[in-house]
Amino acid sequence: MYEKKFMEEAIRLAVENVKKGAGGPFGAVVVKVGKVVAASANTVTPDNDPTAHAEVNAIRQACRRLGSFQLAGCEIYCSCEPCPMCLGAIYWARPDKVYYACTKTDAAEAGFDDSFIYREIEMPEAERSIPFCNQREKEAGEEFRLWRTKEDKTIY
């Protein structure tokens, strides 16, 4: 169930990040049973890591703290609507719900426009701005054959 204080914390993290010059204007908080499990701001520039978005950082922290690669029973509060990468990470983490404050339009107006990524996904691989080329070698697929037959695997 939505609690304003958690959204306020996500927004506070984003604002503080801008004021400190510590990364982009984004914050995220992971909550489980009414308690903050993890909270982070965007650290792309100080970490030199294009994947260090607030949501991804918070998901990583929460999973480590909970000892799980999934966030069942959790909610994520984001200062802004998640980008395509964060959206993917959120779906893999499987929280119960995501709340966000600003929209992707708000982000685009501030210079964080992800619409090109959505367009790229729909394009044929070879026509993307970064071409993707399938080079299937004869060894390709062995890893999946092994996975399918592995009896002691952890399904995720």
Protein backbone atom coordinates (compact mmCIF):
# COMPACT_ATOMS: atom_id res chain seq x y z
CA MET A 1 0.00 0.00 0.00
CA TYR A 2 1.33 3.42 -1.00
CA GLU A 3 2.98 5.48 1.72
CA LYS A 4 3.87 9.09 0.96
CA LYS A 5 6.95 9.08 3.21
CA PHE A 6 8.72 6.56 0.98
CA MET A 7 8.09 8.61 -2.16
CA GLU A 8 9.29 11.70 -0.32
CA GLU A 9 12.50 9.83 0.50
CA ALA A 10 13.03 8.83 -3.15
CA ILE A 11 12.53 12.45 -4.19
CA ARG A 12 14.80 13.71 -1.40
CA LEU A 13 17.57 11.38 -2.60
CA ALA A 14 17.19 12.71 -6.15
CA VAL A 15 17.26 16.36 -5.04
CA GLU A 16 20.23 15.78 -2.73
CA ASN A 17 22.10 14.03 -5.54
CA VAL A 18 21.70 17.06 -7.80
CA LYS A 19 22.73 19.48 -5.07
CA LYS A 20 25.86 17.44 -4.26
CA GLY A 21 26.72 16.92 -7.92
CA ALA A 22 26.91 13.20 -7.16
CA GLY A 23 25.00 11.90 -10.18
CA GLY A 24 21.72 12.24 -11.99
CA PRO A 25 18.43 13.52 -10.54
CA PHE A 26 16.96 10.16 -9.62
CA GLY A 27 16.26 8.33 -6.38
CA ALA A 28 14.73 4.98 -5.47
CA VAL A 29 13.63 3.23 -2.29
CA VAL A 30 12.82 -0.46 -1.79
CA VAL A 31 10.30 -1.17 0.98
CA LYS A 32 9.25 -4.46 2.54
CA VAL A 33 6.46 -4.70 5.10
CA GLY A 34 6.56 -0.96 5.72
CA LYS A 35 10.33 -0.75 6.27
CA VAL A 36 13.04 0.62 3.99
CA VAL A 37 15.28 -2.22 2.84
CA ALA A 38 17.42 -0.13 0.49
CA ALA A 39 17.62 3.40 -0.84
CA SER A 40 19.88 4.91 -3.46
CA ALA A 41 20.38 7.75 -5.85
CA ASN A 42 21.78 7.61 -9.35
CA THR A 43 25.58 7.15 -9.32
CA VAL A 44 26.32 6.85 -13.04
CA THR A 45 28.93 9.60 -13.22
CA PRO A 46 30.86 9.11 -9.97
CA ASP A 47 30.92 5.33 -10.49
CA ASN A 48 31.64 5.56 -14.24
CA ASP A 49 28.90 2.96 -14.58
CA PRO A 50 26.06 3.49 -17.07
CA THR A 51 23.99 0.89 -15.20
CA ALA A 52 24.21 2.67 -11.83
CA HIS A 53 20.72 4.11 -12.02
CA ALA A 54 18.93 4.68 -8.72
CA GLU A 55 16.53 1.78 -9.25
CA VAL A 56 19.28 -0.68 -10.17
CA ASN A 57 21.42 0.45 -7.23
CA ALA A 58 18.50 0.07 -4.83
CA ILE A 59 17.55 -3.33 -6.25
CA ARG A 60 21.13 -4.57 -5.85
CA GLN A 61 21.30 -3.34 -2.24
CA ALA A 62 17.90 -4.79 -1.36
CA CYS A 63 18.69 -8.20 -2.84
CA ARG A 64 21.99 -8.39 -0.96
CA ARG A 65 20.32 -7.38 2.31
CA LEU A 66 17.42 -9.80 1.85
CA GLY A 67 19.65 -12.62 0.63
CA SER A 68 17.51 -13.13 -2.46
CA PHE A 69 17.66 -12.37 -6.15
CA GLN A 70 13.97 -11.49 -6.15
CA LEU A 71 12.02 -8.83 -4.29
CA ALA A 72 8.73 -10.62 -3.65
CA GLY A 73 6.79 -8.79 -0.94
CA CYS A 74 8.56 -5.52 -1.74
CA GLU A 75 7.53 -2.24 -3.31
CA ILE A 76 9.81 0.17 -5.14
CA TYR A 77 9.36 3.92 -4.92
CA CYS A 78 11.03 5.89 -7.72
CA SER A 79 11.41 9.63 -8.04
CA CYS A 80 10.77 9.18 -11.79
CA GLU A 81 9.21 6.64 -14.12
CA PRO A 82 11.87 3.97 -14.73
CA CYS A 83 13.87 3.97 -17.96
CA PRO A 84 13.89 0.87 -20.19
CA MET A 85 16.94 -0.64 -18.44
CA CYS A 86 15.45 -0.11 -14.99
CA LEU A 87 12.11 -1.42 -16.17
CA GLY A 88 13.85 -4.64 -17.21
CA ALA A 89 15.69 -4.88 -13.88
CA ILE A 90 12.44 -4.32 -12.01
CA TYR A 91 10.68 -7.10 -13.89
CA TRP A 92 13.58 -9.48 -13.20
CA ALA A 93 13.52 -8.54 -9.51
CA ARG A 94 9.74 -9.17 -9.34
CA PRO A 95 8.61 -6.67 -6.69
CA ASP A 96 4.90 -6.56 -5.89
CA LYS A 97 4.43 -2.97 -7.04
CA VAL A 98 6.26 0.12 -8.29
CA TYR A 99 5.29 3.72 -7.55
CA TYR A 100 6.83 6.67 -9.38
CA ALA A 101 6.51 10.44 -9.12
CA CYS A 102 7.75 12.23 -12.27
CA THR A 103 7.05 10.81 -15.72
CA LYS A 104 9.33 9.90 -18.60
CA THR A 105 8.10 13.12 -20.25
CA ASP A 106 9.34 15.12 -17.26
CA ALA A 107 12.70 13.35 -17.55
CA ALA A 108 12.90 14.00 -21.29
CA GLU A 109 12.27 17.70 -20.74
CA ALA A 110 15.26 17.72 -18.36
CA GLY A 111 17.50 16.04 -20.96
CA PHE A 112 16.95 12.39 -20.01
CA ASP A 113 15.02 11.24 -23.08
CA ASP A 114 14.81 7.44 -23.39
CA SER A 115 12.38 7.42 -26.32
CA PHE A 116 15.19 6.54 -28.73
CA ILE A 117 15.71 3.24 -26.88
CA TYR A 118 12.09 2.24 -27.33
CA ARG A 119 12.42 3.05 -31.06
CA GLU A 120 15.67 1.08 -31.31
CA ILE A 121 14.10 -2.03 -29.77
CA GLU A 122 11.50 -2.09 -32.54
CA MET A 123 14.06 -1.76 -35.35
CA PRO A 124 15.67 -4.68 -37.18
CA GLU A 125 18.92 -5.48 -35.37
CA ALA A 126 21.22 -4.57 -38.26
CA GLU A 127 19.55 -1.15 -38.68
CA ARG A 128 19.94 0.00 -35.08
CA SER A 129 22.31 2.88 -34.31
CA ILE A 130 24.49 0.20 -32.68
CA PRO A 131 24.10 -2.78 -35.04
CA PHE A 132 23.48 -6.14 -33.41
CA CYS A 133 24.83 -9.08 -35.41
CA ASN A 134 24.01 -12.70 -34.61
CA GLN A 135 27.16 -14.81 -35.05
CA ARG A 136 26.08 -18.26 -34.02
CA GLU A 137 29.12 -20.50 -33.69
CA LYS A 138 28.78 -24.28 -33.63
CA GLU A 139 29.42 -24.30 -29.85
CA ALA A 140 26.55 -21.89 -29.20
CA GLY A 141 23.66 -23.43 -27.30
CA GLU A 142 25.72 -25.91 -25.28
CA GLU A 143 25.25 -23.75 -22.19
CA PHE A 144 21.46 -23.95 -22.57
CA ARG A 145 21.55 -27.70 -23.20
CA LEU A 146 23.53 -28.11 -19.97
CA TRP A 147 21.14 -25.82 -18.08
CA ARG A 148 18.07 -27.75 -19.24
CA THR A 149 19.53 -31.03 -17.98
CA LYS A 150 21.10 -29.70 -14.75
CA GLU A 151 19.20 -31.15 -11.82
CA ASP A 152 20.59 -28.99 -9.01
CA LYS A 153 19.90 -25.57 -10.59
CA THR A 154 18.15 -22.64 -8.95
CA ILE A 155 15.28 -21.57 -11.18
CA TYR A 156 14.77 -17.83 -11.51
